[in-house]
C-alpha atoms as a PDB file:
ATOM      1  CA  MET A   1     128.662  12.714 252.298  1.00  0.00           C
ATOM      2  CA  LYS A   2     129.653   9.979 249.851  1.00  0.00           C
ATOM      3  CA  GLY A   3     128.275   9.245 246.412  1.00  0.00           C
ATOM      4  CA  ILE A   4     127.574   5.697 245.291  1.00  0.00           C
ATOM      5  CA  TYR A   5     129.202   5.943 241.855  1.00  0.00           C
ATOM      6  CA  HIS A   6     130.431   9.564 241.732  1.00  0.00           C
ATOM      7  CA  PHE A   7     133.102  11.793 243.227  1.00  0.00           C
ATOM      8  CA  LEU A   8     132.322  14.937 245.189  1.00  0.00           C
ATOM      9  CA  VAL A   9     134.694  17.703 244.041  1.00  0.00           C
ATOM     10  CA  LYS A  10     135.242  21.382 244.825  1.00  0.00           C
ATOM     11  CA  PRO A  11     137.115  23.932 242.661  1.00  0.00           C
ATOM     12  CA  LEU A  12     140.805  24.319 243.541  1.00  0.00           C
ATOM     13  CA  GLN A  13     140.462  28.116 243.714  1.00  0.00           C
ATOM     14  CA  SER A  14     137.313  29.272 241.910  1.00  0.00           C
ATOM     15  CA  ARG A  15     134.976  28.228 239.108  1.00  0.00           C
ATOM     16  CA  TYR A  16     136.645  30.497 236.571  1.00  0.00           C
ATOM     17  CA  ASN A  17     140.269  31.103 235.689  1.00  0.00           C
ATOM     18  CA  ASN A  18     139.943  34.501 234.049  1.00  0.00           C
ATOM     19  CA  THR A  19     142.303  36.815 235.927  1.00  0.00           C
ATOM     20  CA  LYS A  20     145.975  37.669 235.447  1.00  0.00           C
ATOM     21  CA  SER A  21     148.257  39.521 237.852  1.00  0.00           C
ATOM     22  CA  VAL A  22     149.911  42.557 236.267  1.00  0.00           C
ATOM     23  CA  GLY A  23     152.247  44.151 238.774  1.00  0.00           C
ATOM     24  CA  ASP A  24     150.178  44.824 241.899  1.00  0.00           C
ATOM     25  CA  LYS A  25     146.887  44.843 239.947  1.00  0.00           C
ATOM     26  CA  GLU A  26     144.587  42.036 238.874  1.00  0.00           C
ATOM     27  CA  LEU A  27     143.315  42.083 235.283  1.00  0.00           C
ATOM     28  CA  ILE A  28     140.091  40.302 234.260  1.00  0.00           C
ATOM     29  CA  VAL A  29     140.741  38.834 230.809  1.00  0.00           C
ATOM     30  CA  ASN A  30     137.229  37.548 230.121  1.00  0.00           C
ATOM     31  CA  THR A  31     133.796  38.576 231.409  1.00  0.00           C
ATOM     32  CA  GLU A  32     131.530  36.101 229.614  1.00  0.00           C
ATOM     33  CA  ASN A  33     130.671  32.726 231.102  1.00  0.00           C
ATOM     34  CA  GLN A  34     130.247  30.885 227.784  1.00  0.00           C
ATOM     35  CA  ASN A  35     133.911  30.600 226.765  1.00  0.00           C
ATOM     36  CA  HIS A  36     135.293  27.240 227.941  1.00  0.00           C
ATOM     37  CA  GLU A  37     138.912  28.460 227.844  1.00  0.00           C
ATOM     38  CA  PHE A  38     138.451  30.514 231.021  1.00  0.00           C
ATOM     39  CA  ILE A  39     136.655  27.880 233.108  1.00  0.00           C
ATOM     40  CA  SER A  40     138.731  26.324 235.863  1.00  0.00           C
ATOM     41  CA  ARG A  41     139.506  22.665 235.274  1.00  0.00           C
ATOM     42  CA  GLN A  42     141.281  22.041 238.583  1.00  0.00           C
ATOM     43  CA  GLY A  43     139.524  20.599 241.598  1.00  0.00           C
ATOM     44  CA  ILE A  44     140.012  18.851 244.934  1.00  0.00           C
ATOM     45  CA  VAL A  45     138.295  15.531 245.686  1.00  0.00           C
ATOM     46  CA  LEU A  46     136.120  15.826 248.808  1.00  0.00           C
ATOM     47  CA  SER A  47     134.919  12.212 248.715  1.00  0.00           C
ATOM     48  CA  THR A  48     135.366   9.146 246.510  1.00  0.00           C
ATOM     49  CA  PRO A  49     132.586   6.816 245.315  1.00  0.00           C
ATOM     50  CA  ALA A  50     131.354   4.105 247.680  1.00  0.00           C
ATOM     51  CA  ILE A  51     131.149   1.568 244.833  1.00  0.00           C
ATOM     52  CA  ASN A  52     134.067   2.092 242.502  1.00  0.00           C
ATOM     53  CA  ASN A  53     137.537   0.652 242.229  1.00  0.00           C
ATOM     54  CA  THR A  54     139.587   3.837 241.890  1.00  0.00           C
ATOM     55  CA  SER A  55     143.151   4.839 242.690  1.00  0.00           C
ATOM     56  CA  ILE A  56     142.054   8.455 243.263  1.00  0.00           C
ATOM     57  CA  GLU A  57     142.104   9.329 246.968  1.00  0.00           C
ATOM     58  CA  GLU A  58     140.276  11.956 248.996  1.00  0.00           C
ATOM     59  CA  ASN A  59     142.002  15.378 248.900  1.00  0.00           C
ATOM     60  CA  ALA A  60     143.630  14.485 245.563  1.00  0.00           C
ATOM     61  CA  GLU A  61     144.037  17.306 243.058  1.00  0.00           C
ATOM     62  CA  VAL A  62     142.255  16.529 239.778  1.00  0.00           C
ATOM     63  CA  ILE A  63     142.069  17.949 236.251  1.00  0.00           C
ATOM     64  CA  LEU A  64     138.457  17.857 235.064  1.00  0.00           C
ATOM     65  CA  HIS A  65     136.262  18.338 232.035  1.00  0.00           C
ATOM     66  CA  HIS A  66     135.588  22.039 231.372  1.00  0.00           C
ATOM     67  CA  ASN A  67     131.810  21.635 231.796  1.00  0.00           C
ATOM     68  CA  VAL A  68     131.962  20.597 235.474  1.00  0.00           C
ATOM     69  CA  PHE A  69     132.201  24.134 236.940  1.00  0.00           C
ATOM     70  CA  ARG A  70     130.660  25.917 233.952  1.00  0.00           C
ATOM     71  CA  ARG A  71     127.647  28.226 234.011  1.00  0.00           C
ATOM     72  CA  TRP A  72     125.661  28.698 230.814  1.00  0.00           C
ATOM     73  CA  LEU A  73     122.679  30.557 229.406  1.00  0.00           C
ATOM     74  CA  ASP A  74     119.536  28.681 228.403  1.00  0.00           C
ATOM     75  CA  VAL A  75     117.398  29.624 225.372  1.00  0.00           C
ATOM     76  CA  LYS A  76     115.639  32.311 227.431  1.00  0.00           C
ATOM     77  CA  GLY A  77     118.949  33.865 228.490  1.00  0.00           C
ATOM     78  CA  LYS A  78     118.650  32.612 232.071  1.00  0.00           C
ATOM     79  CA  GLU A  79     121.935  31.646 233.710  1.00  0.00           C
ATOM     80  CA  LYS A  80     122.149  27.988 234.774  1.00  0.00           C
ATOM     81  CA  ASN A  81     124.657  25.736 236.505  1.00  0.00           C
ATOM     82  CA  SER A  82     126.081  22.583 234.953  1.00  0.00           C
ATOM     83  CA  THR A  83     124.437  19.231 235.666  1.00  0.00           C
ATOM     84  CA  SER A  84     127.377  18.486 238.009  1.00  0.00           C
ATOM     85  CA  TYR A  85     126.377  21.328 240.356  1.00  0.00           C
ATOM     86  CA  PHE A  86     125.384  20.293 243.898  1.00  0.00           C
ATOM     87  CA  SER A  87     126.082  23.441 245.923  1.00  0.00           C
ATOM     88  CA  GLU A  88     128.258  26.551 245.494  1.00  0.00           C
ATOM     89  CA  ASP A  89     131.482  24.708 246.298  1.00  0.00           C
ATOM     90  CA  LYS A  90     130.495  21.065 245.668  1.00  0.00           C
ATOM     91  CA  TYR A  91     130.089  19.235 242.368  1.00  0.00           C
ATOM     92  CA  ILE A  92     129.111  15.628 241.603  1.00  0.00           C
ATOM     93  CA  VAL A  93     131.597  14.227 239.090  1.00  0.00           C
ATOM     94  CA  GLY A  94     131.741  10.932 237.220  1.00  0.00           C
ATOM     95  CA  GLN A  95     135.064   9.191 236.691  1.00  0.00           C
ATOM     96  CA  ASP A  96     134.750   9.830 232.936  1.00  0.00           C
ATOM     97  CA  GLN A  97     134.982  13.594 233.672  1.00  0.00           C
ATOM     98  CA  ILE A  98     138.375  13.252 235.403  1.00  0.00           C
ATOM     99  CA  PHE A  99     141.439  13.136 233.152  1.00  0.00           C
ATOM    100  CA  LEU A 100     144.423  13.552 235.490  1.00  0.00           C
ATOM    101  CA  TYR A 101     144.941  13.219 239.241  1.00  0.00           C
ATOM    102  CA  LYS A 102     147.628  13.754 241.861  1.00  0.00           C
ATOM    103  CA  ASN A 103     147.175  12.040 245.240  1.00  0.00           C
ATOM    104  CA  ASN A 104     148.802  13.431 248.371  1.00  0.00           C
ATOM    105  CA  SER A 105     150.828  10.207 248.581  1.00  0.00           C
ATOM    106  CA  ILE A 106     152.435  10.778 245.150  1.00  0.00           C
ATOM    107  CA  ASP A 107     154.204  13.804 243.737  1.00  0.00           C
ATOM    108  CA  GLU A 108     153.301  13.502 240.068  1.00  0.00           C
ATOM    109  CA  TRP A 109     150.239  13.661 237.880  1.00  0.00           C
ATOM    110  CA  ARG A 110     148.716  10.404 236.649  1.00  0.00           C
ATOM    111  CA  PRO A 111     146.173  10.102 233.838  1.00  0.00           C
ATOM    112  CA  LEU A 112     143.209   7.790 234.068  1.00  0.00           C
ATOM    113  CA  LYS A 113     143.251   4.593 232.055  1.00  0.00           C
ATOM    114  CA  GLY A 114     142.975   5.181 228.320  1.00  0.00           C
ATOM    115  CA  PHE A 115     144.579   8.639 228.219  1.00  0.00           C
ATOM    116  CA  CYS A 116     148.008  10.213 227.940  1.00  0.00           C
ATOM    117  CA  PHE A 117     149.177  13.824 227.917  1.00  0.00           C
ATOM    118  CA  VAL A 118     151.660  15.017 225.315  1.00  0.00           C
ATOM    119  CA  GLN A 119     153.614  18.234 224.838  1.00  0.00           C
ATOM    120  CA  PRO A 120     153.772  19.410 221.226  1.00  0.00           C
ATOM    121  CA  LEU A 121     157.116  19.422 219.439  1.00  0.00           C
ATOM    122  CA  ALA A 122     158.663  22.609 218.093  1.00  0.00           C
ATOM    123  CA  TYR A 123     158.369  22.830 214.308  1.00  0.00           C
ATOM    124  CA  ASN A 124     161.673  24.021 212.886  1.00  0.00           C
ATOM    125  CA  ASN A 125     160.661  24.402 209.267  1.00  0.00           C
ATOM    126  CA  LYS A 126     161.803  27.719 207.781  1.00  0.00           C
ATOM    127  CA  PHE A 127     159.083  27.498 205.108  1.00  0.00           C
ATOM    128  CA  SER A 128     156.230  27.261 207.631  1.00  0.00           C
ATOM    129  CA  GLU A 129     154.690  29.817 209.998  1.00  0.00           C
ATOM    130  CA  ASN A 130     153.718  27.061 212.458  1.00  0.00           C
ATOM    131  CA  LYS A 131     155.744  27.050 215.660  1.00  0.00           C
ATOM    132  CA  GLU A 132     154.625  23.582 216.713  1.00  0.00           C
ATOM    133  CA  HIS A 133     154.597  20.325 214.842  1.00  0.00           C
ATOM    134  CA  PRO A 134     151.068  19.317 213.833  1.00  0.00           C
ATOM    135  CA  ASP A 135     149.880  16.060 215.425  1.00  0.00           C
ATOM    136  CA  ARG A 136     153.193  15.049 217.020  1.00  0.00           C
ATOM    137  CA  GLY A 137     154.426  15.340 220.597  1.00  0.00           C
ATOM    138  CA  VAL A 138     156.349  13.926 223.532  1.00  0.00           C
ATOM    139  CA  ILE A 139     154.579  11.840 226.179  1.00  0.00           C
ATOM    140  CA  VAL A 140     154.635  13.720 229.502  1.00  0.00           C
ATOM    141  CA  TYR A 141     152.040  11.755 231.528  1.00  0.00           C
ATOM    142  CA  THR A 142     151.068   8.182 230.662  1.00  0.00           C
ATOM    143  CA  ASP A 143     148.729   5.487 231.955  1.00  0.00           C
ATOM    144  CA  GLY A 144     151.474   2.943 231.245  1.00  0.00           C
ATOM    145  CA  VAL A 145     150.610   2.031 227.654  1.00  0.00           C
ATOM    146  CA  TYR A 146     153.296   4.391 226.310  1.00  0.00           C
ATOM    147  CA  GLU A 147     156.597   5.420 227.857  1.00  0.00           C
ATOM    148  CA  LYS A 148     157.274   8.869 229.276  1.00  0.00           C
ATOM    149  CA  GLY A 149     159.547  10.836 226.895  1.00  0.00           C
ATOM    150  CA  GLU A 150     158.471   8.832 223.849  1.00  0.00           C
ATOM    151  CA  VAL A 151     157.692  10.783 220.649  1.00  0.00           C
ATOM    152  CA  VAL A 152     154.297   9.847 219.203  1.00  0.00           C
ATOM    153  CA  GLY A 153     151.991  10.926 216.398  1.00  0.00           C
ATOM    154  CA  TYR A 154     148.204  11.166 216.744  1.00  0.00           C
ATOM    155  CA  THR A 155     145.213  11.684 214.480  1.00  0.00           C
ATOM    156  CA  PRO A 156     144.204  15.258 213.586  1.00  0.00           C
ATOM    157  CA  PHE A 157     141.698  16.956 215.935  1.00  0.00           C
ATOM    158  CA  SER A 158     142.030  14.198 218.560  1.00  0.00           C
ATOM    159  CA  GLN A 159     143.895  16.372 221.085  1.00  0.00           C
ATOM    160  CA  TYR A 160     142.390  18.604 223.752  1.00  0.00           C
ATOM    161  CA  GLU A 161     144.395  21.475 225.277  1.00  0.00           C
ATOM    162  CA  PHE A 162     145.190  21.864 228.981  1.00  0.00           C
ATOM    163  CA  ILE A 163     147.587  24.109 230.909  1.00  0.00           C
ATOM    164  CA  ILE A 164     149.154  22.019 233.684  1.00  0.00           C
ATOM    165  CA  ASP A 165     151.856  23.464 235.936  1.00  0.00           C
ATOM    166  CA  GLY A 166     152.729  26.123 233.349  1.00  0.00           C
ATOM    167  CA  GLN A 167     152.968  23.632 230.470  1.00  0.00           C
ATOM    168  CA  ARG A 168     150.626  23.537 227.499  1.00  0.00           C
ATOM    169  CA  LEU A 169     149.754  19.864 227.073  1.00  0.00           C
ATOM    170  CA  PHE A 170     147.316  17.924 224.941  1.00  0.00           C
ATOM    171  CA  ARG A 171     145.151  15.150 226.332  1.00  0.00           C
ATOM    172  CA  VAL A 172     145.062  12.355 223.755  1.00  0.00           C
ATOM    173  CA  HIS A 173     143.092   9.136 223.972  1.00  0.00           C
ATOM    174  CA  ASN A 174     145.460   6.181 223.543  1.00  0.00           C
ATOM    175  CA  LYS A 175     143.415   4.809 220.646  1.00  0.00           C
ATOM    176  CA  PHE A 176     144.138   7.979 218.635  1.00  0.00           C
ATOM    177  CA  ILE A 177     147.922   7.551 218.813  1.00  0.00           C
ATOM    178  CA  THR A 178     148.823   6.227 215.388  1.00  0.00           C
ATOM    179  CA  ILE A 179     152.622   6.023 215.401  1.00  0.00           C
ATOM    180  CA  LYS A 180     155.472   5.679 217.890  1.00  0.00           C
ATOM    181  CA  TYR A 181     158.675   7.437 216.879  1.00  0.00           C
ATOM    182  CA  GLY A 182     160.391   6.104 219.989  1.00  0.00           C
ATOM    183  CA  ASP A 183     163.124   8.039 221.680  1.00  0.00           C
ATOM    184  CA  GLN A 184     164.731   9.139 218.430  1.00  0.00           C
ATOM    185  CA  GLY A 185     164.648  12.342 216.453  1.00  0.00           C
ATOM    186  CA  ASP A 186     164.137  15.979 217.358  1.00  0.00           C
ATOM    187  CA  LYS A 187     162.537  16.292 220.822  1.00  0.00           C
ATOM    188  CA  GLU A 188     162.573  20.060 221.217  1.00  0.00           C
ATOM    189  CA  THR A 189     159.187  20.828 222.733  1.00  0.00           C
ATOM    190  CA  TYR A 190     157.111  23.952 222.196  1.00  0.00           C
ATOM    191  CA  ASN A 191     155.541  25.777 225.152  1.00  0.00           C
ATOM    192  CA  PRO A 192     154.200  29.286 224.413  1.00  0.00           C
ATOM    193  CA  SER A 193     155.042  32.055 226.889  1.00  0.00           C
ATOM    194  CA  TRP A 194     151.368  32.694 227.731  1.00  0.00           C
ATOM    195  CA  ALA A 195     151.055  29.112 229.056  1.00  0.00           C
ATOM    196  CA  GLN A 196     154.015  29.540 231.402  1.00  0.00           C
ATOM    197  CA  SER A 197     152.357  32.478 233.138  1.00  0.00           C
ATOM    198  CA  SER A 198     149.096  30.568 233.770  1.00  0.00           C
END
C-alpha cells in the first residue's frame, strides 16, 4: 500500500512511552492518554508517498509529531484515535509531521528542511537556580543552514522538547534562530539524568 502524498508509518515499539524498567520490574509512570509527554514519537516508515520528492526511505526511523499516535477523549468522554490513524499499527503521516529521520543507508539523524535540533547549554550562574541557559544551545542536527557544534540563540517559546538517543534536545525552526555565537564561548551542554535513562 502506498499513499499519494503521505507516508505510512508504524510505531517503533508502541503508541505510548510510559514505562520505566526498575530492576527486574516494569513501572508504569503515567496512566492517562491525554498527556503528550508520554506518547511515543518514534516510528518506522512502511511506505513513502508516490508523488513526493523526499529523501526519507522505506524502513527509515522517524521522529514524529506527538499527535500521530495519540488517543484522546471527545466532549462525551469517548476515546478516539488521532486523524492519522489507519489501523492498529499503521498511521497516515504528512511530511510536515516528520521532524527527524534516519535512513538505513546513513548512521545519523537528519532533520527535514527548515528545522534544526539544539542541546541546551549549562547555565553556570551562581545567582540563578536555572541549570540550563534560557534560549541558547548547541546545534546537534542541522538541515545545512547552520553548522553542527555552532552555538545559537533562539526566540523564547520557539523550542519543542524531544528525547533522542538519551539526549534532551529542542527542535527549533530555523527562522526562530536569532543569533549565531559561532564556535566560541562556553559550550558545556546540559542533559538531565532523567533524559539519559529514556
